[in-house]
Amino acid sequence: MSEFLHYYILFQNHTDATAMYRTLKKKSVYAQISPTPRELSVCCGVSLLIHGEDVETIKAIAAEDGLNYLSIDGLNNTFDNTRHKYG
C-alpha cells in the first residue's frame, strides 16, 4: 500500500496520538510525530507520519491494543522536514 507519498494517522486528541506513538515505538514500527496537514483534517493538530507499507500492521496493532485513531490517510504533499516533524 504505497500509492501516496506520505501516510498520516489522524487522532481526536493528543492523548490518543501519544499512546499510539509509544506503542508503535515499543513494537519497532516507524512513526514520527508530525503536525496534521490541513489538507487532511483540522483535528487535534498532531498526527503520526508512517510508512505506507506499515498501514495494515498498524491497524492490527491498534485493534489488538485498543488504540484509538480517526483514520489513516495518504497525501501527495511536499514534505518539509522543518515543518512536518516535532523534535
N, C-alpha and C. Protein backbone atom coordinates (compact mmCIF):
# COMPACT_ATOMS: atom_id res chain seq x y z
N MET A 1 0.85 -1.19 0.00
CA MET A 1 0.00 0.00 0.00
C MET A 1 0.89 1.24 0.00
N SER A 2 1.32 1.70 -1.14
CA SER A 2 2.17 2.88 -1.21
C SER A 2 1.82 3.74 -2.40
N GLU A 3 0.57 4.04 -2.57
CA GLU A 3 0.17 4.86 -3.71
C GLU A 3 0.32 6.35 -3.44
N PHE A 4 0.53 6.72 -2.17
CA PHE A 4 0.74 8.11 -1.80
C PHE A 4 2.18 8.31 -1.35
N LEU A 5 2.64 9.54 -1.37
CA LEU A 5 3.99 9.84 -0.91
C LEU A 5 4.11 9.71 0.60
N HIS A 6 3.09 10.16 1.32
CA HIS A 6 3.13 10.16 2.78
C HIS A 6 1.82 9.63 3.35
N TYR A 7 1.93 8.95 4.48
CA TYR A 7 0.76 8.45 5.19
C TYR A 7 0.74 9.01 6.60
N TYR A 8 -0.45 9.41 7.05
CA TYR A 8 -0.62 10.01 8.36
C TYR A 8 -1.73 9.29 9.13
N ILE A 9 -1.50 9.11 10.42
CA ILE A 9 -2.56 8.63 11.31
C ILE A 9 -3.13 9.88 11.98
N LEU A 10 -4.45 10.06 11.88
CA LEU A 10 -5.12 11.22 12.46
C LEU A 10 -5.83 10.81 13.74
N PHE A 11 -5.87 11.74 14.70
CA PHE A 11 -6.40 11.45 16.03
C PHE A 11 -7.40 12.51 16.47
N GLN A 12 -8.25 12.12 17.39
CA GLN A 12 -9.20 13.03 18.01
C GLN A 12 -8.50 13.94 19.02
N ASN A 13 -7.45 13.40 19.68
CA ASN A 13 -6.77 14.18 20.70
C ASN A 13 -5.31 13.76 20.83
N HIS A 14 -4.56 14.58 21.52
CA HIS A 14 -3.13 14.37 21.71
C HIS A 14 -2.84 13.09 22.51
N THR A 15 -3.70 12.78 23.46
CA THR A 15 -3.52 11.59 24.30
C THR A 15 -3.53 10.31 23.45
N ASP A 16 -4.46 10.21 22.52
CA ASP A 16 -4.52 9.04 21.64
C ASP A 16 -3.28 8.96 20.74
N ALA A 17 -2.83 10.11 20.26
CA ALA A 17 -1.63 10.15 19.41
C ALA A 17 -0.41 9.67 20.18
N THR A 18 -0.27 10.13 21.40
CA THR A 18 0.87 9.75 22.23
C THR A 18 0.84 8.25 22.55
N ALA A 19 -0.33 7.73 22.86
CA ALA A 19 -0.46 6.29 23.15
C ALA A 19 -0.06 5.46 21.94
N MET A 20 -0.52 5.85 20.76
CA MET A 20 -0.18 5.12 19.53
C MET A 20 1.32 5.21 19.27
N TYR A 21 1.89 6.39 19.40
CA TYR A 21 3.31 6.59 19.14
C TYR A 21 4.14 5.69 20.05
N ARG A 22 3.85 5.69 21.32
CA ARG A 22 4.61 4.87 22.28
C ARG A 22 4.49 3.38 21.96
N THR A 23 3.30 2.95 21.62
CA THR A 23 3.10 1.53 21.30
C THR A 23 3.85 1.14 20.05
N LEU A 24 3.78 1.96 19.01
CA LEU A 24 4.49 1.65 17.77
C LEU A 24 5.99 1.61 17.99
N LYS A 25 6.51 2.53 18.78
CA LYS A 25 7.95 2.53 19.07
C LYS A 25 8.36 1.26 19.81
N LYS A 26 7.55 0.83 20.78
CA LYS A 26 7.85 -0.40 21.52
C LYS A 26 7.87 -1.61 20.60
N LYS A 27 7.05 -1.56 19.54
CA LYS A 27 6.95 -2.69 18.62
C LYS A 27 7.85 -2.49 17.39
N SER A 28 8.74 -1.50 17.47
CA SER A 28 9.72 -1.22 16.41
C SER A 28 9.07 -0.91 15.05
N VAL A 29 7.94 -0.21 15.08
CA VAL A 29 7.28 0.23 13.85
C VAL A 29 7.55 1.73 13.71
N TYR A 30 8.00 2.15 12.54
CA TYR A 30 8.33 3.56 12.31
C TYR A 30 7.11 4.45 12.49
N ALA A 31 7.30 5.53 13.25
CA ALA A 31 6.29 6.57 13.39
C ALA A 31 7.02 7.85 13.80
N GLN A 32 6.59 8.94 13.23
CA GLN A 32 7.18 10.25 13.53
C GLN A 32 6.05 11.20 13.87
N ILE A 33 6.14 11.87 15.00
CA ILE A 33 5.13 12.85 15.38
C ILE A 33 5.21 14.02 14.41
N SER A 34 4.06 14.44 13.91
CA SER A 34 4.01 15.46 12.87
C SER A 34 2.77 16.33 13.03
N PRO A 35 2.85 17.59 12.65
CA PRO A 35 1.62 18.39 12.59
C PRO A 35 0.68 17.76 11.55
N THR A 36 -0.59 17.82 11.80
CA THR A 36 -1.56 17.28 10.85
C THR A 36 -1.67 18.19 9.64
N PRO A 37 -1.44 17.66 8.44
CA PRO A 37 -1.61 18.50 7.25
C PRO A 37 -3.06 18.99 7.14
N ARG A 38 -3.26 20.25 6.93
CA ARG A 38 -4.61 20.82 6.86
C ARG A 38 -5.40 20.28 5.67
N GLU A 39 -4.71 19.72 4.69
CA GLU A 39 -5.41 19.10 3.56
C GLU A 39 -6.19 17.86 4.01
N LEU A 40 -5.77 17.27 5.13
CA LEU A 40 -6.42 16.06 5.62
C LEU A 40 -7.44 16.32 6.70
N SER A 41 -7.13 17.23 7.62
CA SER A 41 -8.03 17.42 8.75
C SER A 41 -7.63 18.64 9.57
N VAL A 42 -8.56 19.10 10.35
CA VAL A 42 -8.27 20.13 11.34
C VAL A 42 -8.52 19.51 12.73
N CYS A 43 -8.22 18.22 12.84
CA CYS A 43 -8.42 17.52 14.10
C CYS A 43 -7.50 18.11 15.16
N CYS A 44 -7.00 17.34 16.07
CA CYS A 44 -6.26 17.86 17.22
C CYS A 44 -4.96 18.54 16.85
N GLY A 45 -4.50 18.42 15.62
CA GLY A 45 -3.29 19.10 15.19
C GLY A 45 -2.05 18.23 15.22
N VAL A 46 -2.13 17.08 15.88
CA VAL A 46 -1.00 16.17 15.94
C VAL A 46 -1.37 14.89 15.20
N SER A 47 -0.47 14.45 14.36
CA SER A 47 -0.66 13.18 13.65
C SER A 47 0.64 12.40 13.72
N LEU A 48 0.60 11.18 13.23
CA LEU A 48 1.82 10.39 13.11
C LEU A 48 2.09 10.14 11.64
N LEU A 49 3.27 10.44 11.22
CA LEU A 49 3.73 10.15 9.87
C LEU A 49 4.28 8.73 9.89
N ILE A 50 3.79 7.89 8.99
CA ILE A 50 4.17 6.48 8.98
C ILE A 50 4.55 6.05 7.56
N HIS A 51 5.10 4.86 7.45
CA HIS A 51 5.39 4.29 6.13
C HIS A 51 4.15 3.60 5.58
N GLY A 52 3.89 3.77 4.30
CA GLY A 52 2.73 3.18 3.66
C GLY A 52 2.67 1.67 3.80
N GLU A 53 3.83 1.02 3.76
CA GLU A 53 3.84 -0.45 3.87
C GLU A 53 3.50 -0.95 5.27
N ASP A 54 3.43 -0.03 6.25
CA ASP A 54 3.10 -0.42 7.62
C ASP A 54 1.62 -0.22 7.98
N VAL A 55 0.82 0.28 7.06
CA VAL A 55 -0.57 0.62 7.39
C VAL A 55 -1.34 -0.57 7.94
N GLU A 56 -1.30 -1.70 7.28
CA GLU A 56 -2.07 -2.87 7.75
C GLU A 56 -1.55 -3.37 9.09
N THR A 57 -0.25 -3.35 9.28
CA THR A 57 0.35 -3.74 10.56
C THR A 57 -0.13 -2.82 11.67
N ILE A 58 -0.14 -1.52 11.41
CA ILE A 58 -0.57 -0.54 12.40
C ILE A 58 -2.05 -0.71 12.74
N LYS A 59 -2.87 -0.97 11.75
CA LYS A 59 -4.29 -1.21 12.01
C LYS A 59 -4.46 -2.42 12.92
N ALA A 60 -3.69 -3.47 12.68
CA ALA A 60 -3.78 -4.68 13.50
C ALA A 60 -3.31 -4.39 14.93
N ILE A 61 -2.22 -3.65 15.08
CA ILE A 61 -1.72 -3.29 16.41
C ILE A 61 -2.76 -2.46 17.15
N ALA A 62 -3.36 -1.49 16.47
CA ALA A 62 -4.37 -0.63 17.10
C ALA A 62 -5.55 -1.46 17.59
N ALA A 63 -6.01 -2.39 16.78
CA ALA A 63 -7.15 -3.24 17.17
C ALA A 63 -6.77 -4.14 18.35
N GLU A 64 -5.60 -4.71 18.26
CA GLU A 64 -5.11 -5.63 19.30
C GLU A 64 -4.92 -4.92 20.65
N ASP A 65 -4.41 -3.69 20.60
CA ASP A 65 -4.08 -2.96 21.83
C ASP A 65 -5.15 -1.96 22.24
N GLY A 66 -6.26 -1.89 21.50
CA GLY A 66 -7.34 -0.97 21.83
C GLY A 66 -6.96 0.49 21.69
N LEU A 67 -6.16 0.81 20.68
CA LEU A 67 -5.72 2.18 20.45
C LEU A 67 -6.72 2.91 19.54
N ASN A 68 -7.01 4.15 19.87
CA ASN A 68 -7.98 4.94 19.11
C ASN A 68 -7.29 5.85 18.09
N TYR A 69 -7.89 5.92 16.91
CA TYR A 69 -7.46 6.88 15.89
C TYR A 69 -8.65 7.17 15.00
N LEU A 70 -8.62 8.32 14.34
CA LEU A 70 -9.72 8.70 13.45
C LEU A 70 -9.61 8.01 12.10
N SER A 71 -8.43 8.09 11.50
CA SER A 71 -8.22 7.49 10.18
C SER A 71 -6.74 7.43 9.87
N ILE A 72 -6.43 6.66 8.84
CA ILE A 72 -5.08 6.64 8.28
C ILE A 72 -5.25 7.09 6.84
N ASP A 73 -4.64 8.22 6.50
CA ASP A 73 -4.84 8.81 5.19
C ASP A 73 -3.51 9.06 4.48
N GLY A 74 -3.55 8.93 3.17
CA GLY A 74 -2.39 9.22 2.36
C GLY A 74 -2.51 10.59 1.72
N LEU A 75 -1.35 11.17 1.43
CA LEU A 75 -1.33 12.51 0.85
C LEU A 75 -0.09 12.65 -0.01
N ASN A 76 -0.23 13.24 -1.16
CA ASN A 76 0.90 13.54 -2.03
C ASN A 76 1.36 14.97 -1.83
N ASN A 77 1.76 15.26 -0.61
CA ASN A 77 2.21 16.61 -0.29
C ASN A 77 3.73 16.71 -0.37
N THR A 78 4.21 17.92 -0.46
CA THR A 78 5.64 18.16 -0.41
C THR A 78 6.06 18.11 1.05
N PHE A 79 7.06 17.31 1.34
CA PHE A 79 7.49 17.12 2.72
C PHE A 79 8.57 18.14 3.07
N ASP A 80 8.34 18.87 4.14
CA ASP A 80 9.30 19.85 4.63
C ASP A 80 9.74 19.37 6.01
N ASN A 81 10.95 18.86 6.11
CA ASN A 81 11.42 18.26 7.36
C ASN A 81 11.43 19.25 8.52
N THR A 82 11.50 20.55 8.25
CA THR A 82 11.49 21.53 9.33
C THR A 82 10.07 21.82 9.79
N ARG A 83 9.08 21.52 8.97
CA ARG A 83 7.68 21.77 9.33
C ARG A 83 6.94 20.52 9.76
N HIS A 84 7.26 19.40 9.14
CA HIS A 84 6.46 18.19 9.31
C HIS A 84 6.92 17.25 10.41
N LYS A 85 7.77 17.71 11.29
CA LYS A 85 8.09 16.87 12.44
C LYS A 85 8.39 17.75 13.64
N TYR A 86 8.12 17.18 14.79
CA TYR A 86 8.46 17.85 16.04
C TYR A 86 9.77 17.23 16.51
N GLY A 87 10.57 18.01 17.14
CA GLY A 87 11.73 17.33 17.62
C GLY A 87 12.80 18.16 18.07
